[in-house]
Amino acid sequence: MNERDLKLLLDAHALKHIQIRYAVMAEGYMIVADGKPLETARRKTRQFKTLDTAARFLFKIGIVDFAVKLT
C-alpha cells in the first residue's frame, strides 16, 4: 500500500486500524494500515527514523487516531 492508496482508503472511511510499529531490522518505525505496511514507490517498506516523524506523517494526511506497537 502506498501513500496514495492510504489517502483513498482514508477518504472512503475504509480503514479499520492504523499502527506505527517498531521495525527491529531497520532500527526505525513503519506504518501498518489494516495489516499492510506503507510502501515507497519502489515497493519497499517506508521507514521512519523516529516515532515523531511517523506520527507527523499520519497527522499530515489527516489520521489522528492510531496505535503504537513497540514489540
PDB file of N, CA and C in Angstrom:
ATOM      1  N   MET A   1       0.848  -1.165   0.000  1.00  0.00           N
ATOM      2  CA  MET A   1       0.000   0.000   0.000  1.00  0.00           C
ATOM      3  C   MET A   1       0.898   1.233   0.000  1.00  0.00           C
ATOM      4  N   ASN A   2       0.678   2.128  -0.939  1.00  0.00           N
ATOM      5  CA  ASN A   2       1.463   3.364  -0.975  1.00  0.00           C
ATOM      6  C   ASN A   2       0.653   4.514  -0.379  1.00  0.00           C
ATOM      7  N   GLU A   3       1.240   5.693  -0.348  1.00  0.00           N
ATOM      8  CA  GLU A   3       0.597   6.850   0.281  1.00  0.00           C
ATOM      9  C   GLU A   3      -0.716   7.204  -0.416  1.00  0.00           C
ATOM     10  N   ARG A   4      -0.750   7.098  -1.726  1.00  0.00           N
ATOM     11  CA  ARG A   4      -1.961   7.417  -2.469  1.00  0.00           C
ATOM     12  C   ARG A   4      -3.098   6.474  -2.105  1.00  0.00           C
ATOM     13  N   ASP A   5      -2.798   5.172  -2.006  1.00  0.00           N
ATOM     14  CA  ASP A   5      -3.808   4.194  -1.607  1.00  0.00           C
ATOM     15  C   ASP A   5      -4.316   4.468  -0.194  1.00  0.00           C
ATOM     16  N   LEU A   6      -3.404   4.834   0.683  1.00  0.00           N
ATOM     17  CA  LEU A   6      -3.769   5.140   2.068  1.00  0.00           C
ATOM     18  C   LEU A   6      -4.731   6.326   2.119  1.00  0.00           C
ATOM     19  N   LYS A   7      -4.456   7.359   1.343  1.00  0.00           N
ATOM     20  CA  LYS A   7      -5.336   8.535   1.310  1.00  0.00           C
ATOM     21  C   LYS A   7      -6.712   8.188   0.736  1.00  0.00           C
ATOM     22  N   LEU A   8      -6.742   7.341  -0.308  1.00  0.00           N
ATOM     23  CA  LEU A   8      -8.016   6.939  -0.891  1.00  0.00           C
ATOM     24  C   LEU A   8      -8.866   6.160   0.115  1.00  0.00           C
ATOM     25  N   LEU A   9      -8.237   5.243   0.834  1.00  0.00           N
ATOM     26  CA  LEU A   9      -8.959   4.480   1.849  1.00  0.00           C
ATOM     27  C   LEU A   9      -9.433   5.373   2.988  1.00  0.00           C
ATOM     28  N   LEU A  10      -8.616   6.345   3.347  1.00  0.00           N
ATOM     29  CA  LEU A  10      -8.988   7.287   4.399  1.00  0.00           C
ATOM     30  C   LEU A  10     -10.204   8.112   3.970  1.00  0.00           C
ATOM     31  N   ASP A  11     -10.194   8.601   2.744  1.00  0.00           N
ATOM     32  CA  ASP A  11     -11.318   9.393   2.235  1.00  0.00           C
ATOM     33  C   ASP A  11     -12.601   8.570   2.148  1.00  0.00           C
ATOM     34  N   ALA A  12     -12.468   7.271   1.872  1.00  0.00           N
ATOM     35  CA  ALA A  12     -13.635   6.389   1.758  1.00  0.00           C
ATOM     36  C   ALA A  12     -14.067   5.826   3.115  1.00  0.00           C
ATOM     37  N   HIS A  13     -13.369   6.217   4.186  1.00  0.00           N
ATOM     38  CA  HIS A  13     -13.648   5.719   5.545  1.00  0.00           C
ATOM     39  C   HIS A  13     -13.575   4.189   5.591  1.00  0.00           C
ATOM     40  N   ALA A  14     -12.609   3.620   4.883  1.00  0.00           N
ATOM     41  CA  ALA A  14     -12.480   2.171   4.782  1.00  0.00           C
ATOM     42  C   ALA A  14     -11.353   1.603   5.638  1.00  0.00           C
ATOM     43  N   LEU A  15     -10.663   2.434   6.406  1.00  0.00           N
ATOM     44  CA  LEU A  15      -9.578   1.943   7.252  1.00  0.00           C
ATOM     45  C   LEU A  15     -10.124   1.534   8.608  1.00  0.00           C
ATOM     46  N   LYS A  16      -9.733   0.348   9.055  1.00  0.00           N
ATOM     47  CA  LYS A  16     -10.183  -0.129  10.353  1.00  0.00           C
ATOM     48  C   LYS A  16      -9.210   0.262  11.460  1.00  0.00           C
ATOM     49  N   HIS A  17      -7.917   0.052  11.241  1.00  0.00           N
ATOM     50  CA  HIS A  17      -6.943   0.464  12.255  1.00  0.00           C
ATOM     51  C   HIS A  17      -5.583   0.755  11.624  1.00  0.00           C
ATOM     52  N   ILE A  18      -4.907   1.714  12.237  1.00  0.00           N
ATOM     53  CA  ILE A  18      -3.580   2.143  11.809  1.00  0.00           C
ATOM     54  C   ILE A  18      -2.632   1.923  12.980  1.00  0.00           C
ATOM     55  N   GLN A  19      -1.467   1.386  12.697  1.00  0.00           N
ATOM     56  CA  GLN A  19      -0.452   1.177  13.724  1.00  0.00           C
ATOM     57  C   GLN A  19       0.883   1.736  13.264  1.00  0.00           C
ATOM     58  N   ILE A  20       1.639   2.224  14.218  1.00  0.00           N
ATOM     59  CA  ILE A  20       3.039   2.520  13.989  1.00  0.00           C
ATOM     60  C   ILE A  20       3.794   1.442  14.738  1.00  0.00           C
ATOM     61  N   ARG A  21       4.600   0.681  14.031  1.00  0.00           N
ATOM     62  CA  ARG A  21       5.338  -0.436  14.630  1.00  0.00           C
ATOM     63  C   ARG A  21       6.832  -0.173  14.589  1.00  0.00           C
ATOM     64  N   TYR A  22       7.498  -0.664  15.599  1.00  0.00           N
ATOM     65  CA  TYR A  22       8.948  -0.587  15.629  1.00  0.00           C
ATOM     66  C   TYR A  22       9.498  -1.686  14.739  1.00  0.00           C
ATOM     67  N   ALA A  23      10.337  -1.326  13.793  1.00  0.00           N
ATOM     68  CA  ALA A  23      10.958  -2.290  12.878  1.00  0.00           C
ATOM     69  C   ALA A  23      12.361  -2.583  13.378  1.00  0.00           C
ATOM     70  N   VAL A  24      12.555  -3.741  13.964  1.00  0.00           N
ATOM     71  CA  VAL A  24      13.827  -4.097  14.590  1.00  0.00           C
ATOM     72  C   VAL A  24      14.970  -4.111  13.587  1.00  0.00           C
ATOM     73  N   MET A  25      14.761  -4.692  12.434  1.00  0.00           N
ATOM     74  CA  MET A  25      15.830  -4.809  11.444  1.00  0.00           C
ATOM     75  C   MET A  25      16.272  -3.445  10.920  1.00  0.00           C
ATOM     76  N   ALA A  26      15.338  -2.522  10.788  1.00  0.00           N
ATOM     77  CA  ALA A  26      15.657  -1.205  10.245  1.00  0.00           C
ATOM     78  C   ALA A  26      16.013  -0.203  11.335  1.00  0.00           C
ATOM     79  N   GLU A  27      15.811  -0.606  12.589  1.00  0.00           N
ATOM     80  CA  GLU A  27      16.025   0.291  13.730  1.00  0.00           C
ATOM     81  C   GLU A  27      15.269   1.590  13.536  1.00  0.00           C
ATOM     82  N   GLY A  28      14.027   1.465  13.150  1.00  0.00           N
ATOM     83  CA  GLY A  28      13.166   2.616  12.938  1.00  0.00           C
ATOM     84  C   GLY A  28      11.716   2.192  13.069  1.00  0.00           C
ATOM     85  N   TYR A  29      10.827   2.940  12.467  1.00  0.00           N
ATOM     86  CA  TYR A  29       9.401   2.696  12.587  1.00  0.00           C
ATOM     87  C   TYR A  29       8.765   2.576  11.215  1.00  0.00           C
ATOM     88  N   MET A  30       7.667   1.823  11.161  1.00  0.00           N
ATOM     89  CA  MET A  30       6.908   1.698   9.924  1.00  0.00           C
ATOM     90  C   MET A  30       5.434   1.837  10.244  1.00  0.00           C
ATOM     91  N   ILE A  31       4.660   2.228   9.252  1.00  0.00           N
ATOM     92  CA  ILE A  31       3.219   2.396   9.412  1.00  0.00           C
ATOM     93  C   ILE A  31       2.525   1.207   8.774  1.00  0.00           C
ATOM     94  N   VAL A  32       1.585   0.619   9.522  1.00  0.00           N
ATOM     95  CA  VAL A  32       0.822  -0.528   9.037  1.00  0.00           C
ATOM     96  C   VAL A  32      -0.655  -0.156   9.077  1.00  0.00           C
ATOM     97  N   ALA A  33      -1.312  -0.242   7.924  1.00  0.00           N
ATOM     98  CA  ALA A  33      -2.736   0.075   7.817  1.00  0.00           C
ATOM     99  C   ALA A  33      -3.498  -1.198   7.459  1.00  0.00           C
ATOM    100  N   ASP A  34      -4.369  -1.620   8.338  1.00  0.00           N
ATOM    101  CA  ASP A  34      -5.152  -2.842   8.139  1.00  0.00           C
ATOM    102  C   ASP A  34      -4.266  -4.034   7.778  1.00  0.00           C
ATOM    103  N   GLY A  35      -3.130  -4.144   8.430  1.00  0.00           N
ATOM    104  CA  GLY A  35      -2.230  -5.283   8.231  1.00  0.00           C
ATOM    105  C   GLY A  35      -1.263  -5.154   7.077  1.00  0.00           C
ATOM    106  N   LYS A  36      -1.324  -4.066   6.320  1.00  0.00           N
ATOM    107  CA  LYS A  36      -0.428  -3.882   5.172  1.00  0.00           C
ATOM    108  C   LYS A  36       0.517  -2.726   5.446  1.00  0.00           C
ATOM    109  N   PRO A  37       1.813  -2.939   5.261  1.00  0.00           N
ATOM    110  CA  PRO A  37       2.765  -1.844   5.518  1.00  0.00           C
ATOM    111  C   PRO A  37       2.716  -0.775   4.435  1.00  0.00           C
ATOM    112  N   LEU A  38       2.981   0.447   4.838  1.00  0.00           N
ATOM    113  CA  LEU A  38       3.089   1.558   3.901  1.00  0.00           C
ATOM    114  C   LEU A  38       4.374   1.376   3.108  1.00  0.00           C
ATOM    115  N   GLU A  39       4.288   1.530   1.781  1.00  0.00           N
ATOM    116  CA  GLU A  39       5.439   1.286   0.914  1.00  0.00           C
ATOM    117  C   GLU A  39       5.833   2.536   0.152  1.00  0.00           C
ATOM    118  N   THR A  40       7.065   2.521  -0.336  1.00  0.00           N
ATOM    119  CA  THR A  40       7.556   3.587  -1.204  1.00  0.00           C
ATOM    120  C   THR A  40       7.104   3.285  -2.634  1.00  0.00           C
ATOM    121  N   ALA A  41       7.441   4.168  -3.550  1.00  0.00           N
ATOM    122  CA  ALA A  41       7.097   3.952  -4.958  1.00  0.00           C
ATOM    123  C   ALA A  41       7.807   2.725  -5.530  1.00  0.00           C
ATOM    124  N   ARG A  42       8.910   2.355  -4.938  1.00  0.00           N
ATOM    125  CA  ARG A  42       9.677   1.190  -5.411  1.00  0.00           C
ATOM    126  C   ARG A  42       9.298  -0.098  -4.677  1.00  0.00           C
ATOM    127  N   ARG A  43       8.178  -0.084  -3.999  1.00  0.00           N
ATOM    128  CA  ARG A  43       7.612  -1.241  -3.301  1.00  0.00           C
ATOM    129  C   ARG A  43       8.453  -1.742  -2.133  1.00  0.00           C
ATOM    130  N   LYS A  44       9.199  -0.847  -1.497  1.00  0.00           N
ATOM    131  CA  LYS A  44       9.919  -1.195  -0.275  1.00  0.00           C
ATOM    132  C   LYS A  44       9.175  -0.565   0.888  1.00  0.00           C
ATOM    133  N   THR A  45       9.233  -1.199   2.034  1.00  0.00           N
ATOM    134  CA  THR A  45       8.547  -0.663   3.203  1.00  0.00           C
ATOM    135  C   THR A  45       9.103   0.704   3.551  1.00  0.00           C
ATOM    136  N   ARG A  46       8.206   1.666   3.694  1.00  0.00           N
ATOM    137  CA  ARG A  46       8.635   3.026   4.044  1.00  0.00           C
ATOM    138  C   ARG A  46       9.020   3.046   5.511  1.00  0.00           C
ATOM    139  N   GLN A  47      10.204   3.562   5.777  1.00  0.00           N
ATOM    140  CA  GLN A  47      10.728   3.582   7.139  1.00  0.00           C
ATOM    141  C   GLN A  47      10.867   5.015   7.631  1.00  0.00           C
ATOM    142  N   PHE A  48      10.618   5.173   8.919  1.00  0.00           N
ATOM    143  CA  PHE A  48      10.750   6.470   9.579  1.00  0.00           C
ATOM    144  C   PHE A  48      11.767   6.310  10.695  1.00  0.00           C
ATOM    145  N   LYS A  49      12.670   7.265  10.820  1.00  0.00           N
ATOM    146  CA  LYS A  49      13.730   7.179  11.831  1.00  0.00           C
ATOM    147  C   LYS A  49      13.211   7.283  13.250  1.00  0.00           C
ATOM    148  N   THR A  50      12.215   8.130  13.469  1.00  0.00           N
ATOM    149  CA  THR A  50      11.699   8.316  14.821  1.00  0.00           C
ATOM    150  C   THR A  50      10.184   8.146  14.835  1.00  0.00           C
ATOM    151  N   LEU A  51       9.673   7.911  16.027  1.00  0.00           N
ATOM    152  CA  LEU A  51       8.239   7.808  16.224  1.00  0.00           C
ATOM    153  C   LEU A  51       7.558   9.134  15.893  1.00  0.00           C
ATOM    154  N   ASP A  52       8.219  10.227  16.214  1.00  0.00           N
ATOM    155  CA  ASP A  52       7.663  11.554  15.932  1.00  0.00           C
ATOM    156  C   ASP A  52       7.470  11.792  14.435  1.00  0.00           C
ATOM    157  N   THR A  53       8.420  11.366  13.618  1.00  0.00           N
ATOM    158  CA  THR A  53       8.274  11.599  12.174  1.00  0.00           C
ATOM    159  C   THR A  53       7.140  10.750  11.596  1.00  0.00           C
ATOM    160  N   ALA A  54       6.973   9.531  12.093  1.00  0.00           N
ATOM    161  CA  ALA A  54       5.872   8.687  11.629  1.00  0.00           C
ATOM    162  C   ALA A  54       4.534   9.297  12.037  1.00  0.00           C
ATOM    163  N   ALA A  55       4.436   9.773  13.279  1.00  0.00           N
ATOM    164  CA  ALA A  55       3.200  10.403  13.750  1.00  0.00           C
ATOM    165  C   ALA A  55       2.923  11.690  12.987  1.00  0.00           C
ATOM    166  N   ARG A  56       3.941  12.462  12.719  1.00  0.00           N
ATOM    167  CA  ARG A  56       3.777  13.709  11.965  1.00  0.00           C
ATOM    168  C   ARG A  56       3.257  13.424  10.553  1.00  0.00           C
ATOM    169  N   PHE A  57       3.748  12.357   9.933  1.00  0.00           N
ATOM    170  CA  PHE A  57       3.266  11.958   8.615  1.00  0.00           C
ATOM    171  C   PHE A  57       1.771  11.627   8.660  1.00  0.00           C
ATOM    172  N   LEU A  58       1.361  10.861   9.677  1.00  0.00           N
ATOM    173  CA  LEU A  58      -0.052  10.498   9.796  1.00  0.00           C
ATOM    174  C   LEU A  58      -0.922  11.732  10.033  1.00  0.00           C
ATOM    175  N   PHE A  59      -0.470  12.648  10.886  1.00  0.00           N
ATOM    176  CA  PHE A  59      -1.221  13.883  11.126  1.00  0.00           C
ATOM    177  C   PHE A  59      -1.357  14.692   9.847  1.00  0.00           C
ATOM    178  N   LYS A  60      -0.288  14.714   9.040  1.00  0.00           N
ATOM    179  CA  LYS A  60      -0.282  15.496   7.801  1.00  0.00           C
ATOM    180  C   LYS A  60      -1.352  15.018   6.819  1.00  0.00           C
ATOM    181  N   ILE A  61      -1.592  13.707   6.767  1.00  0.00           N
ATOM    182  CA  ILE A  61      -2.592  13.204   5.820  1.00  0.00           C
ATOM    183  C   ILE A  61      -3.978  13.090   6.445  1.00  0.00           C
ATOM    184  N   GLY A  62      -4.099  13.446   7.734  1.00  0.00           N
ATOM    185  CA  GLY A  62      -5.423  13.507   8.342  1.00  0.00           C
ATOM    186  C   GLY A  62      -5.775  12.387   9.291  1.00  0.00           C
ATOM    187  N   ILE A  63      -4.823  11.563   9.656  1.00  0.00           N
ATOM    188  CA  ILE A  63      -5.084  10.470  10.598  1.00  0.00           C
ATOM    189  C   ILE A  63      -4.628  10.922  11.981  1.00  0.00           C
ATOM    190  N   VAL A  64      -5.570  10.982  12.911  1.00  0.00           N
ATOM    191  CA  VAL A  64      -5.234  11.436  14.259  1.00  0.00           C
ATOM    192  C   VAL A  64      -5.416  10.331  15.299  1.00  0.00           C
ATOM    193  N   ASP A  65      -5.979   9.205  14.931  1.00  0.00           N
ATOM    194  CA  ASP A  65      -6.209   8.096  15.845  1.00  0.00           C
ATOM    195  C   ASP A  65      -5.456   6.867  15.356  1.00  0.00           C
ATOM    196  N   PHE A  66      -4.409   6.482  16.080  1.00  0.00           N
ATOM    197  CA  PHE A  66      -3.614   5.326  15.691  1.00  0.00           C
ATOM    198  C   PHE A  66      -3.013   4.684  16.934  1.00  0.00           C
ATOM    199  N   ALA A  67      -2.517   3.461  16.778  1.00  0.00           N
ATOM    200  CA  ALA A  67      -1.883   2.745  17.879  1.00  0.00           C
ATOM    201  C   ALA A  67      -0.386   2.655  17.634  1.00  0.00           C
ATOM    202  N   VAL A  68       0.360   2.509  18.715  1.00  0.00           N
ATOM    203  CA  VAL A  68       1.808   2.337  18.619  1.00  0.00           C
ATOM    204  C   VAL A  68       2.148   0.977  19.211  1.00  0.00           C
ATOM    205  N   LYS A  69       2.860   0.154  18.450  1.00  0.00           N
ATOM    206  CA  LYS A  69       3.268  -1.171  18.917  1.00  0.00           C
ATOM    207  C   LYS A  69       4.792  -1.224  18.896  1.00  0.00           C
ATOM    208  N   LEU A  70       5.391  -1.363  20.061  1.00  0.00           N
ATOM    209  CA  LEU A  70       6.850  -1.311  20.167  1.00  0.00           C
ATOM    210  C   LEU A  70       7.515  -2.689  20.203  1.00  0.00           C
ATOM    211  N   THR A  71       6.755  -3.742  20.401  1.00  0.00           N
ATOM    212  CA  THR A  71       7.362  -5.081  20.452  1.00  0.00           C
ATOM    213  C   THR A  71       6.935  -5.918  19.302  1.00  0.00           C
TER     214      THR A  71
END
